[in-house]
């Protein structure tokens, strides 16, 4: 079977200051990068650009961030709604799965001091628990392992650059 690189990719982007249940899905700019391509092409091209490297392996795809303030905490693999029907009609051989990259961004500014504002003990405890959960999730990934893939002969890896400009 020929290689079917991922087409349906979303980034579930969450800021450290947001509640755990609050994330938004974004469509990243996708750039396919193969093992024989120059590695410097992976570096961010402009300030504020976040680069995620999606290692597309049929057994266990993984994602890593090369941005200093964006952390990958997980990868979900699901069936893309309606993609199988559209792919069968077109005969294009696209991968019918949707890859959802879970990412966490530290949105605190460097000038923010932990002592600048007074918070209640309850809100500090809630913030500590939320950040501790995020850290545990980030440290567990990719050991938790995404759902197994059924695609063979994948490209070496794919670069995903989420557009974070508002």
C-alpha atoms as a PDB file:
ATOM      1  CA  UNK A   1       0.000   0.000   0.000  1.00  0.00           C
ATOM      2  CA  UNK A   2       1.269   3.490  -0.814  1.00  0.00           C
ATOM      3  CA  UNK A   3       2.027   5.988   1.906  1.00  0.00           C
ATOM      4  CA  UNK A   4      -0.908   8.121   2.970  1.00  0.00           C
ATOM      5  CA  UNK A   5       0.355  11.177   4.867  1.00  0.00           C
ATOM      6  CA  UNK A   6      -2.001  12.829   7.345  1.00  0.00           C
ATOM      7  CA  UNK A   7      -4.350  15.459   5.974  1.00  0.00           C
ATOM      8  CA  UNK A   8      -6.789  16.066   8.819  1.00  0.00           C
ATOM      9  CA  UNK A   9      -4.769  17.654  11.630  1.00  0.00           C
ATOM     10  CA  UNK A  10      -6.053  19.923  14.397  1.00  0.00           C
ATOM     11  CA  UNK A  11      -4.247  21.519  17.317  1.00  0.00           C
ATOM     12  CA  UNK A  12      -6.148  21.642  20.620  1.00  0.00           C
ATOM     13  CA  UNK A  13      -4.428  24.733  21.938  1.00  0.00           C
ATOM     14  CA  UNK A  14      -4.679  25.588  25.622  1.00  0.00           C
ATOM     15  CA  UNK A  15      -3.034  28.386  27.579  1.00  0.00           C
ATOM     16  CA  UNK A  16      -1.639  27.745  31.059  1.00  0.00           C
ATOM     17  CA  UNK A  17      -3.921  30.413  32.513  1.00  0.00           C
ATOM     18  CA  UNK A  18      -7.109  28.812  31.111  1.00  0.00           C
ATOM     19  CA  UNK A  19      -9.147  26.172  32.925  1.00  0.00           C
ATOM     20  CA  UNK A  20      -8.268  22.582  31.959  1.00  0.00           C
ATOM     21  CA  UNK A  21     -11.560  22.075  30.100  1.00  0.00           C
ATOM     22  CA  UNK A  22     -11.028  25.207  28.018  1.00  0.00           C
ATOM     23  CA  UNK A  23      -9.181  24.641  24.759  1.00  0.00           C
ATOM     24  CA  UNK A  24      -9.719  25.740  21.217  1.00  0.00           C
ATOM     25  CA  UNK A  25      -9.128  23.809  18.026  1.00  0.00           C
ATOM     26  CA  UNK A  26      -7.020  25.359  15.303  1.00  0.00           C
ATOM     27  CA  UNK A  27      -6.139  24.295  11.789  1.00  0.00           C
ATOM     28  CA  UNK A  28      -2.342  24.382  11.501  1.00  0.00           C
ATOM     29  CA  UNK A  29      -0.331  25.181   8.409  1.00  0.00           C
ATOM     30  CA  UNK A  30       1.082  21.819   7.337  1.00  0.00           C
ATOM     31  CA  UNK A  31       4.496  21.421   5.757  1.00  0.00           C
ATOM     32  CA  UNK A  32       5.635  17.915   4.849  1.00  0.00           C
ATOM     33  CA  UNK A  33       9.292  17.359   5.709  1.00  0.00           C
ATOM     34  CA  UNK A  34      11.046  14.116   4.799  1.00  0.00           C
ATOM     35  CA  UNK A  35      14.230  12.595   6.219  1.00  0.00           C
ATOM     36  CA  UNK A  36      16.306  13.764   3.238  1.00  0.00           C
ATOM     37  CA  UNK A  37      15.139  17.402   3.568  1.00  0.00           C
ATOM     38  CA  UNK A  38      17.455  19.927   5.289  1.00  0.00           C
ATOM     39  CA  UNK A  39      16.751  20.043   9.051  1.00  0.00           C
ATOM     40  CA  UNK A  40      17.124  23.842   9.211  1.00  0.00           C
ATOM     41  CA  UNK A  41      13.832  24.126   7.333  1.00  0.00           C
ATOM     42  CA  UNK A  42      12.123  23.076  10.569  1.00  0.00           C
ATOM     43  CA  UNK A  43      13.176  26.193  12.472  1.00  0.00           C
ATOM     44  CA  UNK A  44      10.563  28.933  12.971  1.00  0.00           C
ATOM     45  CA  UNK A  45      10.626  31.476  10.144  1.00  0.00           C
ATOM     46  CA  UNK A  46       9.305  34.473  12.108  1.00  0.00           C
ATOM     47  CA  UNK A  47       8.925  35.561  15.761  1.00  0.00           C
ATOM     48  CA  UNK A  48       5.953  34.028  17.516  1.00  0.00           C
ATOM     49  CA  UNK A  49       5.711  31.065  15.139  1.00  0.00           C
ATOM     50  CA  UNK A  50       5.250  27.723  16.872  1.00  0.00           C
ATOM     51  CA  UNK A  51       6.636  24.614  15.201  1.00  0.00           C
ATOM     52  CA  UNK A  52       5.458  21.125  16.051  1.00  0.00           C
ATOM     53  CA  UNK A  53       7.156  18.100  14.510  1.00  0.00           C
ATOM     54  CA  UNK A  54       4.723  15.266  13.853  1.00  0.00           C
ATOM     55  CA  UNK A  55       6.684  11.998  13.567  1.00  0.00           C
ATOM     56  CA  UNK A  56       4.312  10.099  11.343  1.00  0.00           C
ATOM     57  CA  UNK A  57       4.907   6.434  12.068  1.00  0.00           C
ATOM     58  CA  UNK A  58       2.313   3.797  11.292  1.00  0.00           C
ATOM     59  CA  UNK A  59       2.920   1.999  14.591  1.00  0.00           C
ATOM     60  CA  UNK A  60       2.956   4.987  16.958  1.00  0.00           C
ATOM     61  CA  UNK A  61       2.780   8.559  15.649  1.00  0.00           C
ATOM     62  CA  UNK A  62       4.181  11.175  18.037  1.00  0.00           C
ATOM     63  CA  UNK A  63       4.436  14.962  18.129  1.00  0.00           C
ATOM     64  CA  UNK A  64       7.173  17.145  19.611  1.00  0.00           C
ATOM     65  CA  UNK A  65       7.430  20.908  19.949  1.00  0.00           C
ATOM     66  CA  UNK A  66      10.590  22.798  19.027  1.00  0.00           C
ATOM     67  CA  UNK A  67       9.100  26.057  20.296  1.00  0.00           C
ATOM     68  CA  UNK A  68      10.250  27.306  23.673  1.00  0.00           C
ATOM     69  CA  UNK A  69       6.800  28.186  25.041  1.00  0.00           C
ATOM     70  CA  UNK A  70       4.608  25.449  23.519  1.00  0.00           C
ATOM     71  CA  UNK A  71       4.443  21.952  25.035  1.00  0.00           C
ATOM     72  CA  UNK A  72       2.786  18.920  23.455  1.00  0.00           C
ATOM     73  CA  UNK A  73       0.743  16.990  26.011  1.00  0.00           C
ATOM     74  CA  UNK A  74      -0.951  14.403  23.819  1.00  0.00           C
ATOM     75  CA  UNK A  75      -2.076  13.127  20.445  1.00  0.00           C
ATOM     76  CA  UNK A  76      -5.541  11.739  19.747  1.00  0.00           C
ATOM     77  CA  UNK A  77      -6.300   9.746  16.617  1.00  0.00           C
ATOM     78  CA  UNK A  78      -9.954   9.601  15.563  1.00  0.00           C
ATOM     79  CA  UNK A  79     -11.936   8.922  12.427  1.00  0.00           C
ATOM     80  CA  UNK A  80     -12.473  12.174  10.534  1.00  0.00           C
ATOM     81  CA  UNK A  81     -16.232  12.720  10.124  1.00  0.00           C
ATOM     82  CA  UNK A  82     -17.221  12.177   6.485  1.00  0.00           C
ATOM     83  CA  UNK A  83     -13.638  11.730   5.303  1.00  0.00           C
ATOM     84  CA  UNK A  84     -13.984   8.051   4.396  1.00  0.00           C
ATOM     85  CA  UNK A  85     -16.938   8.757   2.103  1.00  0.00           C
ATOM     86  CA  UNK A  86     -15.235  11.760   0.477  1.00  0.00           C
ATOM     87  CA  UNK A  87     -11.995   9.825   0.033  1.00  0.00           C
ATOM     88  CA  UNK A  88     -13.804   6.868  -1.538  1.00  0.00           C
ATOM     89  CA  UNK A  89     -15.657   9.184  -3.943  1.00  0.00           C
ATOM     90  CA  UNK A  90     -12.489  11.026  -4.986  1.00  0.00           C
ATOM     91  CA  UNK A  91     -10.228   7.979  -4.997  1.00  0.00           C
ATOM     92  CA  UNK A  92      -7.400  10.197  -3.720  1.00  0.00           C
ATOM     93  CA  UNK A  93      -6.041   7.721  -1.157  1.00  0.00           C
ATOM     94  CA  UNK A  94      -5.897  10.264   1.686  1.00  0.00           C
ATOM     95  CA  UNK A  95      -5.597   9.140   5.289  1.00  0.00           C
ATOM     96  CA  UNK A  96      -9.148   9.153   6.659  1.00  0.00           C
ATOM     97  CA  UNK A  97      -8.110   9.708  10.259  1.00  0.00           C
ATOM     98  CA  UNK A  98      -8.077  12.980  12.168  1.00  0.00           C
ATOM     99  CA  UNK A  99      -5.049  13.724  14.336  1.00  0.00           C
ATOM    100  CA  UNK A 100      -5.708  16.084  17.250  1.00  0.00           C
ATOM    101  CA  UNK A 101      -2.502  17.435  18.779  1.00  0.00           C
ATOM    102  CA  UNK A 102      -2.975  18.587  22.369  1.00  0.00           C
ATOM    103  CA  UNK A 103      -0.673  21.509  23.130  1.00  0.00           C
ATOM    104  CA  UNK A 104      -0.190  23.793  26.105  1.00  0.00           C
ATOM    105  CA  UNK A 105       1.220  27.300  25.859  1.00  0.00           C
ATOM    106  CA  UNK A 106       2.723  29.244  28.729  1.00  0.00           C
ATOM    107  CA  UNK A 107       1.028  32.605  28.221  1.00  0.00           C
ATOM    108  CA  UNK A 108       2.594  34.373  31.182  1.00  0.00           C
ATOM    109  CA  UNK A 109       4.689  37.355  30.227  1.00  0.00           C
ATOM    110  CA  UNK A 110       8.240  37.615  31.508  1.00  0.00           C
ATOM    111  CA  UNK A 111       7.342  40.742  33.460  1.00  0.00           C
ATOM    112  CA  UNK A 112       4.621  38.922  35.399  1.00  0.00           C
ATOM    113  CA  UNK A 113       5.860  38.315  38.898  1.00  0.00           C
ATOM    114  CA  UNK A 114       4.108  35.766  41.102  1.00  0.00           C
ATOM    115  CA  UNK A 115       4.002  38.442  43.799  1.00  0.00           C
ATOM    116  CA  UNK A 116       2.332  41.164  41.677  1.00  0.00           C
ATOM    117  CA  UNK A 117      -1.191  40.226  42.643  1.00  0.00           C
ATOM    118  CA  UNK A 118      -2.656  38.775  45.800  1.00  0.00           C
ATOM    119  CA  UNK A 119      -4.787  35.670  45.367  1.00  0.00           C
ATOM    120  CA  UNK A 120      -6.843  33.701  47.832  1.00  0.00           C
ATOM    121  CA  UNK A 121      -5.501  30.422  49.159  1.00  0.00           C
ATOM    122  CA  UNK A 122      -8.293  28.557  47.355  1.00  0.00           C
ATOM    123  CA  UNK A 123      -7.485  30.059  43.967  1.00  0.00           C
ATOM    124  CA  UNK A 124      -3.758  29.424  44.476  1.00  0.00           C
ATOM    125  CA  UNK A 125      -4.481  25.785  45.356  1.00  0.00           C
ATOM    126  CA  UNK A 126      -6.730  25.390  42.294  1.00  0.00           C
ATOM    127  CA  UNK A 127      -4.051  26.970  40.085  1.00  0.00           C
ATOM    128  CA  UNK A 128      -1.398  24.639  41.575  1.00  0.00           C
ATOM    129  CA  UNK A 129      -3.558  21.548  40.965  1.00  0.00           C
ATOM    130  CA  UNK A 130      -4.338  22.636  37.385  1.00  0.00           C
ATOM    131  CA  UNK A 131      -0.673  23.260  36.549  1.00  0.00           C
ATOM    132  CA  UNK A 132       0.403  20.049  38.274  1.00  0.00           C
ATOM    133  CA  UNK A 133      -2.095  18.095  36.144  1.00  0.00           C
ATOM    134  CA  UNK A 134      -0.764  19.764  32.984  1.00  0.00           C
ATOM    135  CA  UNK A 135       2.818  18.912  33.932  1.00  0.00           C
ATOM    136  CA  UNK A 136       1.889  15.282  34.645  1.00  0.00           C
ATOM    137  CA  UNK A 137       0.139  15.019  31.262  1.00  0.00           C
ATOM    138  CA  UNK A 138       3.136  16.528  29.476  1.00  0.00           C
ATOM    139  CA  UNK A 139       5.556  14.160  31.227  1.00  0.00           C
ATOM    140  CA  UNK A 140       3.433  11.094  30.466  1.00  0.00           C
ATOM    141  CA  UNK A 141       3.255  11.853  26.725  1.00  0.00           C
ATOM    142  CA  UNK A 142       4.180   9.967  24.518  1.00  0.00           C
ATOM    143  CA  UNK A 143       4.470   7.052  26.978  1.00  0.00           C
ATOM    144  CA  UNK A 144       0.656   6.839  27.118  1.00  0.00           C
ATOM    145  CA  UNK A 145       0.791   6.035  23.396  1.00  0.00           C
ATOM    146  CA  UNK A 146      -1.682   7.212  20.799  1.00  0.00           C
ATOM    147  CA  UNK A 147      -4.120   4.901  19.086  1.00  0.00           C
ATOM    148  CA  UNK A 148      -2.436   2.512  16.703  1.00  0.00           C
ATOM    149  CA  UNK A 149      -2.248   3.516  13.080  1.00  0.00           C
ATOM    150  CA  UNK A 150      -2.954   1.357  10.035  1.00  0.00           C
ATOM    151  CA  UNK A 151      -0.977   3.315   7.421  1.00  0.00           C
ATOM    152  CA  UNK A 152       2.198   1.822   5.958  1.00  0.00           C
ATOM    153  CA  UNK A 153       5.310   3.432   4.476  1.00  0.00           C
ATOM    154  CA  UNK A 154       4.832   6.897   6.042  1.00  0.00           C
ATOM    155  CA  UNK A 155       7.071   9.905   5.389  1.00  0.00           C
ATOM    156  CA  UNK A 156       9.766  10.411   8.018  1.00  0.00           C
ATOM    157  CA  UNK A 157       7.939  13.280   9.679  1.00  0.00           C
ATOM    158  CA  UNK A 158       5.601  16.170   9.069  1.00  0.00           C
ATOM    159  CA  UNK A 159       6.031  19.707  10.319  1.00  0.00           C
ATOM    160  CA  UNK A 160       2.939  21.367  11.724  1.00  0.00           C
ATOM    161  CA  UNK A 161       2.954  25.111  12.370  1.00  0.00           C
ATOM    162  CA  UNK A 162      -0.173  26.275  14.207  1.00  0.00           C
ATOM    163  CA  UNK A 163      -1.188  29.810  13.393  1.00  0.00           C
ATOM    164  CA  UNK A 164      -1.279  31.463  16.804  1.00  0.00           C
ATOM    165  CA  UNK A 165      -1.844  35.019  15.623  1.00  0.00           C
ATOM    166  CA  UNK A 166      -5.219  36.290  16.791  1.00  0.00           C
END
